[in-house]
Amino acid sequence: MEKEIAELLQLFLKHRGKIVGTLFGLLLGWMIIRFGVIKSLFVAVCVAAGYIIGKRVDNKEDLKGFVDRFFPPDR
């Protein structure tokens, strides 16, 4: 049983981009059919923004500069 799990994990790691991309496409397609294009694109943009912010937090990067690019401080 452990051998099969290890093989599946190895297969997933080898093809993770294809697998995640396919699942994302499937989810986005379902959302467009279910909720419409505009609502689905809004959710996709929110997910992408969350991913980018989360990646920066994981890498211990400064979020202030990132936020200032989109919302410049008043001068």
PDB file of N, CA and C in Angstrom:
ATOM      1  N   MET A   1       0.815  -1.191   0.000  1.00  0.00           N
ATOM      2  CA  MET A   1       0.000   0.000   0.000  1.00  0.00           C
ATOM      3  C   MET A   1       0.863   1.261   0.000  1.00  0.00           C
ATOM      4  N   GLU A   2       1.923   1.255   0.809  1.00  0.00           N
ATOM      5  CA  GLU A   2       2.793   2.421   0.867  1.00  0.00           C
ATOM      6  C   GLU A   2       3.521   2.627  -0.453  1.00  0.00           C
ATOM      7  N   LYS A   3       3.826   1.530  -1.150  1.00  0.00           N
ATOM      8  CA  LYS A   3       4.515   1.628  -2.435  1.00  0.00           C
ATOM      9  C   LYS A   3       3.634   2.341  -3.459  1.00  0.00           C
ATOM     10  N   GLU A   4       2.340   2.016  -3.481  1.00  0.00           N
ATOM     11  CA  GLU A   4       1.425   2.654  -4.420  1.00  0.00           C
ATOM     12  C   GLU A   4       1.282   4.144  -4.125  1.00  0.00           C
ATOM     13  N   ILE A   5       1.206   4.489  -2.849  1.00  0.00           N
ATOM     14  CA  ILE A   5       1.092   5.892  -2.459  1.00  0.00           C
ATOM     15  C   ILE A   5       2.359   6.648  -2.857  1.00  0.00           C
ATOM     16  N   ALA A   6       3.516   6.047  -2.649  1.00  0.00           N
ATOM     17  CA  ALA A   6       4.774   6.676  -3.026  1.00  0.00           C
ATOM     18  C   ALA A   6       4.844   6.874  -4.540  1.00  0.00           C
ATOM     19  N   GLU A   7       4.363   5.896  -5.305  1.00  0.00           N
ATOM     20  CA  GLU A   7       4.366   6.016  -6.762  1.00  0.00           C
ATOM     21  C   GLU A   7       3.411   7.118  -7.217  1.00  0.00           C
ATOM     22  N   LEU A   8       2.237   7.194  -6.595  1.00  0.00           N
ATOM     23  CA  LEU A   8       1.288   8.254  -6.935  1.00  0.00           C
ATOM     24  C   LEU A   8       1.850   9.633  -6.598  1.00  0.00           C
ATOM     25  N   LEU A   9       2.504   9.745  -5.453  1.00  0.00           N
ATOM     26  CA  LEU A   9       3.115  11.012  -5.058  1.00  0.00           C
ATOM     27  C   LEU A   9       4.209  11.403  -6.038  1.00  0.00           C
ATOM     28  N   GLN A  10       5.026  10.448  -6.430  1.00  0.00           N
ATOM     29  CA  GLN A  10       6.098  10.722  -7.386  1.00  0.00           C
ATOM     30  C   GLN A  10       5.505  11.155  -8.735  1.00  0.00           C
ATOM     31  N   LEU A  11       4.441  10.493  -9.161  1.00  0.00           N
ATOM     32  CA  LEU A  11       3.777  10.844 -10.405  1.00  0.00           C
ATOM     33  C   LEU A  11       3.183  12.250 -10.322  1.00  0.00           C
ATOM     34  N   PHE A  12       2.559  12.565  -9.193  1.00  0.00           N
ATOM     35  CA  PHE A  12       2.001  13.904  -9.000  1.00  0.00           C
ATOM     36  C   PHE A  12       3.095  14.958  -9.034  1.00  0.00           C
ATOM     37  N   LEU A  13       4.202  14.709  -8.351  1.00  0.00           N
ATOM     38  CA  LEU A  13       5.284  15.693  -8.318  1.00  0.00           C
ATOM     39  C   LEU A  13       5.892  15.895  -9.705  1.00  0.00           C
ATOM     40  N   LYS A  14       5.921  14.845 -10.502  1.00  0.00           N
ATOM     41  CA  LYS A  14       6.486  14.945 -11.852  1.00  0.00           C
ATOM     42  C   LYS A  14       5.572  15.760 -12.765  1.00  0.00           C
ATOM     43  N   HIS A  15       4.258  15.641 -12.570  1.00  0.00           N
ATOM     44  CA  HIS A  15       3.288  16.282 -13.453  1.00  0.00           C
ATOM     45  C   HIS A  15       2.385  17.264 -12.724  1.00  0.00           C
ATOM     46  N   ARG A  16       2.849  17.874 -11.646  1.00  0.00           N
ATOM     47  CA  ARG A  16       1.973  18.709 -10.828  1.00  0.00           C
ATOM     48  C   ARG A  16       1.440  19.925 -11.578  1.00  0.00           C
ATOM     49  N   GLY A  17       2.230  20.510 -12.455  1.00  0.00           N
ATOM     50  CA  GLY A  17       1.747  21.661 -13.217  1.00  0.00           C
ATOM     51  C   GLY A  17       0.573  21.292 -14.109  1.00  0.00           C
ATOM     52  N   LYS A  18       0.681  20.153 -14.765  1.00  0.00           N
ATOM     53  CA  LYS A  18      -0.401  19.696 -15.638  1.00  0.00           C
ATOM     54  C   LYS A  18      -1.646  19.356 -14.826  1.00  0.00           C
ATOM     55  N   ILE A  19      -1.452  18.702 -13.705  1.00  0.00           N
ATOM     56  CA  ILE A  19      -2.582  18.288 -12.869  1.00  0.00           C
ATOM     57  C   ILE A  19      -3.279  19.496 -12.267  1.00  0.00           C
ATOM     58  N   VAL A  20      -2.519  20.406 -11.686  1.00  0.00           N
ATOM     59  CA  VAL A  20      -3.113  21.593 -11.071  1.00  0.00           C
ATOM     60  C   VAL A  20      -3.765  22.468 -12.139  1.00  0.00           C
ATOM     61  N   GLY A  21      -3.113  22.626 -13.291  1.00  0.00           N
ATOM     62  CA  GLY A  21      -3.688  23.415 -14.376  1.00  0.00           C
ATOM     63  C   GLY A  21      -4.990  22.830 -14.891  1.00  0.00           C
ATOM     64  N   THR A  22      -5.029  21.510 -15.018  1.00  0.00           N
ATOM     65  CA  THR A  22      -6.253  20.851 -15.465  1.00  0.00           C
ATOM     66  C   THR A  22      -7.370  21.034 -14.453  1.00  0.00           C
ATOM     67  N   LEU A  23      -7.068  20.860 -13.185  1.00  0.00           N
ATOM     68  CA  LEU A  23      -8.087  21.046 -12.148  1.00  0.00           C
ATOM     69  C   LEU A  23      -8.570  22.488 -12.092  1.00  0.00           C
ATOM     70  N   PHE A  24      -7.650  23.437 -12.252  1.00  0.00           N
ATOM     71  CA  PHE A  24      -8.038  24.846 -12.264  1.00  0.00           C
ATOM     72  C   PHE A  24      -8.935  25.144 -13.460  1.00  0.00           C
ATOM     73  N   GLY A  25      -8.578  24.616 -14.631  1.00  0.00           N
ATOM     74  CA  GLY A  25      -9.408  24.812 -15.815  1.00  0.00           C
ATOM     75  C   GLY A  25     -10.787  24.210 -15.664  1.00  0.00           C
ATOM     76  N   LEU A  26     -10.850  23.037 -15.078  1.00  0.00           N
ATOM     77  CA  LEU A  26     -12.133  22.382 -14.831  1.00  0.00           C
ATOM     78  C   LEU A  26     -12.986  23.214 -13.883  1.00  0.00           C
ATOM     79  N   LEU A  27     -12.382  23.693 -12.813  1.00  0.00           N
ATOM     80  CA  LEU A  27     -13.106  24.519 -11.846  1.00  0.00           C
ATOM     81  C   LEU A  27     -13.573  25.820 -12.474  1.00  0.00           C
ATOM     82  N   LEU A  28     -12.711  26.484 -13.231  1.00  0.00           N
ATOM     83  CA  LEU A  28     -13.081  27.743 -13.861  1.00  0.00           C
ATOM     84  C   LEU A  28     -14.197  27.531 -14.884  1.00  0.00           C
ATOM     85  N   GLY A  29     -14.102  26.463 -15.666  1.00  0.00           N
ATOM     86  CA  GLY A  29     -15.152  26.154 -16.629  1.00  0.00           C
ATOM     87  C   GLY A  29     -16.490  25.910 -15.954  1.00  0.00           C
ATOM     88  N   TRP A  30     -16.479  25.167 -14.867  1.00  0.00           N
ATOM     89  CA  TRP A  30     -17.711  24.906 -14.124  1.00  0.00           C
ATOM     90  C   TRP A  30     -18.288  26.208 -13.564  1.00  0.00           C
ATOM     91  N   MET A  31     -17.399  27.066 -13.041  1.00  0.00           N
ATOM     92  CA  MET A  31     -17.868  28.328 -12.469  1.00  0.00           C
ATOM     93  C   MET A  31     -18.491  29.219 -13.543  1.00  0.00           C
ATOM     94  N   ILE A  32     -17.898  29.241 -14.744  1.00  0.00           N
ATOM     95  CA  ILE A  32     -18.449  30.060 -15.827  1.00  0.00           C
ATOM     96  C   ILE A  32     -19.822  29.549 -16.215  1.00  0.00           C
ATOM     97  N   ILE A  33     -19.971  28.238 -16.312  1.00  0.00           N
ATOM     98  CA  ILE A  33     -21.281  27.668 -16.643  1.00  0.00           C
ATOM     99  C   ILE A  33     -22.283  27.970 -15.534  1.00  0.00           C
ATOM    100  N   ARG A  34     -21.879  27.848 -14.300  1.00  0.00           N
ATOM    101  CA  ARG A  34     -22.793  27.984 -13.156  1.00  0.00           C
ATOM    102  C   ARG A  34     -23.127  29.433 -12.819  1.00  0.00           C
ATOM    103  N   PHE A  35     -22.103  30.320 -12.801  1.00  0.00           N
ATOM    104  CA  PHE A  35     -22.296  31.677 -12.294  1.00  0.00           C
ATOM    105  C   PHE A  35     -22.163  32.767 -13.345  1.00  0.00           C
ATOM    106  N   GLY A  36     -21.591  32.472 -14.498  1.00  0.00           N
ATOM    107  CA  GLY A  36     -21.382  33.486 -15.533  1.00  0.00           C
ATOM    108  C   GLY A  36     -19.926  33.915 -15.591  1.00  0.00           C
ATOM    109  N   VAL A  37     -19.601  34.595 -16.679  1.00  0.00           N
ATOM    110  CA  VAL A  37     -18.211  34.961 -16.955  1.00  0.00           C
ATOM    111  C   VAL A  37     -17.683  35.994 -15.962  1.00  0.00           C
ATOM    112  N   ILE A  38     -18.414  37.060 -15.746  1.00  0.00           N
ATOM    113  CA  ILE A  38     -17.924  38.167 -14.917  1.00  0.00           C
ATOM    114  C   ILE A  38     -17.679  37.716 -13.480  1.00  0.00           C
ATOM    115  N   LYS A  39     -18.620  37.027 -12.887  1.00  0.00           N
ATOM    116  CA  LYS A  39     -18.447  36.563 -11.507  1.00  0.00           C
ATOM    117  C   LYS A  39     -17.295  35.572 -11.405  1.00  0.00           C
ATOM    118  N   SER A  40     -17.163  34.704 -12.397  1.00  0.00           N
ATOM    119  CA  SER A  40     -16.093  33.706 -12.379  1.00  0.00           C
ATOM    120  C   SER A  40     -14.727  34.360 -12.528  1.00  0.00           C
ATOM    121  N   LEU A  41     -14.629  35.361 -13.410  1.00  0.00           N
ATOM    122  CA  LEU A  41     -13.354  36.067 -13.569  1.00  0.00           C
ATOM    123  C   LEU A  41     -12.995  36.847 -12.311  1.00  0.00           C
ATOM    124  N   PHE A  42     -13.993  37.404 -11.645  1.00  0.00           N
ATOM    125  CA  PHE A  42     -13.742  38.100 -10.383  1.00  0.00           C
ATOM    126  C   PHE A  42     -13.150  37.144  -9.347  1.00  0.00           C
ATOM    127  N   VAL A  43     -13.727  35.970  -9.237  1.00  0.00           N
ATOM    128  CA  VAL A  43     -13.207  34.969  -8.289  1.00  0.00           C
ATOM    129  C   VAL A  43     -11.793  34.555  -8.686  1.00  0.00           C
ATOM    130  N   ALA A  44     -11.547  34.366  -9.987  1.00  0.00           N
ATOM    131  CA  ALA A  44     -10.209  33.977 -10.448  1.00  0.00           C
ATOM    132  C   ALA A  44      -9.176  35.055 -10.128  1.00  0.00           C
ATOM    133  N   VAL A  45      -9.548  36.316 -10.284  1.00  0.00           N
ATOM    134  CA  VAL A  45      -8.639  37.417  -9.947  1.00  0.00           C
ATOM    135  C   VAL A  45      -8.369  37.444  -8.445  1.00  0.00           C
ATOM    136  N   CYS A  46      -9.396  37.222  -7.641  1.00  0.00           N
ATOM    137  CA  CYS A  46      -9.212  37.190  -6.183  1.00  0.00           C
ATOM    138  C   CYS A  46      -8.305  36.038  -5.763  1.00  0.00           C
ATOM    139  N   VAL A  47      -8.468  34.889  -6.391  1.00  0.00           N
ATOM    140  CA  VAL A  47      -7.611  33.736  -6.088  1.00  0.00           C
ATOM    141  C   VAL A  47      -6.163  34.045  -6.468  1.00  0.00           C
ATOM    142  N   ALA A  48      -5.964  34.645  -7.640  1.00  0.00           N
ATOM    143  CA  ALA A  48      -4.614  34.984  -8.078  1.00  0.00           C
ATOM    144  C   ALA A  48      -3.969  35.994  -7.134  1.00  0.00           C
ATOM    145  N   ALA A  49      -4.726  37.001  -6.715  1.00  0.00           N
ATOM    146  CA  ALA A  49      -4.200  37.993  -5.775  1.00  0.00           C
ATOM    147  C   ALA A  49      -3.845  37.346  -4.440  1.00  0.00           C
ATOM    148  N   GLY A  50      -4.698  36.457  -3.967  1.00  0.00           N
ATOM    149  CA  GLY A  50      -4.404  35.745  -2.717  1.00  0.00           C
ATOM    150  C   GLY A  50      -3.158  34.895  -2.830  1.00  0.00           C
ATOM    151  N   TYR A  51      -2.989  34.248  -3.978  1.00  0.00           N
ATOM    152  CA  TYR A  51      -1.788  33.429  -4.196  1.00  0.00           C
ATOM    153  C   TYR A  51      -0.535  34.297  -4.183  1.00  0.00           C
ATOM    154  N   ILE A  52      -0.587  35.424  -4.888  1.00  0.00           N
ATOM    155  CA  ILE A  52       0.588  36.303  -4.969  1.00  0.00           C
ATOM    156  C   ILE A  52       0.942  36.851  -3.591  1.00  0.00           C
ATOM    157  N   ILE A  53      -0.049  37.293  -2.850  1.00  0.00           N
ATOM    158  CA  ILE A  53       0.209  37.820  -1.505  1.00  0.00           C
ATOM    159  C   ILE A  53       0.717  36.712  -0.588  1.00  0.00           C
ATOM    160  N   GLY A  54       0.100  35.535  -0.656  1.00  0.00           N
ATOM    161  CA  GLY A  54       0.551  34.413   0.175  1.00  0.00           C
ATOM    162  C   GLY A  54       1.971  33.986  -0.146  1.00  0.00           C
ATOM    163  N   LYS A  55       2.326  34.007  -1.423  1.00  0.00           N
ATOM    164  CA  LYS A  55       3.691  33.646  -1.817  1.00  0.00           C
ATOM    165  C   LYS A  55       4.695  34.645  -1.257  1.00  0.00           C
ATOM    166  N   ARG A  56       4.339  35.915  -1.293  1.00  0.00           N
ATOM    167  CA  ARG A  56       5.234  36.937  -0.742  1.00  0.00           C
ATOM    168  C   ARG A  56       5.376  36.792   0.777  1.00  0.00           C
ATOM    169  N   VAL A  57       4.303  36.445   1.444  1.00  0.00           N
ATOM    170  CA  VAL A  57       4.374  36.222   2.897  1.00  0.00           C
ATOM    171  C   VAL A  57       5.254  35.016   3.192  1.00  0.00           C
ATOM    172  N   ASP A  58       5.081  33.928   2.425  1.00  0.00           N
ATOM    173  CA  ASP A  58       5.900  32.733   2.628  1.00  0.00           C
ATOM    174  C   ASP A  58       7.378  33.021   2.417  1.00  0.00           C
ATOM    175  N   ASN A  59       7.695  33.890   1.445  1.00  0.00           N
ATOM    176  CA  ASN A  59       9.088  34.231   1.154  1.00  0.00           C
ATOM    177  C   ASN A  59       9.607  35.349   2.041  1.00  0.00           C
ATOM    178  N   LYS A  60       8.768  35.785   2.999  1.00  0.00           N
ATOM    179  CA  LYS A  60       9.116  36.841   3.953  1.00  0.00           C
ATOM    180  C   LYS A  60       9.525  38.137   3.245  1.00  0.00           C
ATOM    181  N   GLU A  61       8.822  38.448   2.144  1.00  0.00           N
ATOM    182  CA  GLU A  61       9.076  39.683   1.411  1.00  0.00           C
ATOM    183  C   GLU A  61       8.265  40.813   2.033  1.00  0.00           C
ATOM    184  N   ASP A  62       8.701  42.033   1.760  1.00  0.00           N
ATOM    185  CA  ASP A  62       8.033  43.205   2.294  1.00  0.00           C
ATOM    186  C   ASP A  62       6.724  43.447   1.542  1.00  0.00           C
ATOM    187  N   LEU A  63       5.616  43.428   2.249  1.00  0.00           N
ATOM    188  CA  LEU A  63       4.315  43.653   1.621  1.00  0.00           C
ATOM    189  C   LEU A  63       3.999  45.136   1.447  1.00  0.00           C
ATOM    190  N   LYS A  64       4.671  45.992   2.212  1.00  0.00           N
ATOM    191  CA  LYS A  64       4.386  47.422   2.125  1.00  0.00           C
ATOM    192  C   LYS A  64       4.690  47.956   0.736  1.00  0.00           C
ATOM    193  N   GLY A  65       5.821  47.591   0.166  1.00  0.00           N
ATOM    194  CA  GLY A  65       6.172  48.043  -1.179  1.00  0.00           C
ATOM    195  C   GLY A  65       5.210  47.510  -2.225  1.00  0.00           C
ATOM    196  N   PHE A  66       4.774  46.281  -2.041  1.00  0.00           N
ATOM    197  CA  PHE A  66       3.823  45.667  -2.963  1.00  0.00           C
ATOM    198  C   PHE A  66       2.484  46.403  -2.923  1.00  0.00           C
ATOM    199  N   VAL A  67       1.999  46.702  -1.733  1.00  0.00           N
ATOM    200  CA  VAL A  67       0.724  47.401  -1.581  1.00  0.00           C
ATOM    201  C   VAL A  67       0.853  48.843  -2.075  1.00  0.00           C
ATOM    202  N   ASP A  68       1.984  49.483  -1.831  1.00  0.00           N
ATOM    203  CA  ASP A  68       2.190  50.864  -2.263  1.00  0.00           C
ATOM    204  C   ASP A  68       2.189  51.004  -3.784  1.00  0.00           C
ATOM    205  N   ARG A  69       2.536  49.950  -4.500  1.00  0.00           N
ATOM    206  CA  ARG A  69       2.499  50.011  -5.969  1.00  0.00           C
ATOM    207  C   ARG A  69       1.066  50.189  -6.457  1.00  0.00           C
ATOM    208  N   PHE A  70       0.109  49.586  -5.777  1.00  0.00           N
ATOM    209  CA  PHE A  70      -1.283  49.655  -6.195  1.00  0.00           C
ATOM    210  C   PHE A  70      -2.046  50.796  -5.528  1.00  0.00           C
ATOM    211  N   PHE A  71      -1.675  51.101  -4.294  1.00  0.00           N
ATOM    212  CA  PHE A  71      -2.319  52.176  -3.533  1.00  0.00           C
ATOM    213  C   PHE A  71      -1.237  53.097  -2.991  1.00  0.00           C
ATOM    214  N   PRO A  72      -0.758  54.037  -3.818  1.00  0.00           N
ATOM    215  CA  PRO A  72       0.328  54.906  -3.363  1.00  0.00           C
ATOM    216  C   PRO A  72      -0.096  55.767  -2.179  1.00  0.00           C
ATOM    217  N   PRO A  73       0.831  55.950  -1.242  1.00  0.00           N
ATOM    218  CA  PRO A  73       0.493  56.797  -0.089  1.00  0.00           C
ATOM    219  C   PRO A  73       0.336  58.250  -0.521  1.00  0.00           C
ATOM    220  N   ASP A  74      -0.479  58.973   0.200  1.00  0.00           N
ATOM    221  CA  ASP A  74      -0.677  60.408  -0.095  1.00  0.00           C
ATOM    222  C   ASP A  74       0.592  61.157   0.249  1.00  0.00           C
ATOM    223  N   ARG A  75       0.947  62.070  -0.652  1.00  0.00           N
ATOM    224  CA  ARG A  75       2.187  62.861  -0.409  1.00  0.00           C
ATOM    225  C   ARG A  75       1.870  64.305  -0.437  1.00  0.00           C
TER     226      ARG A  75
END
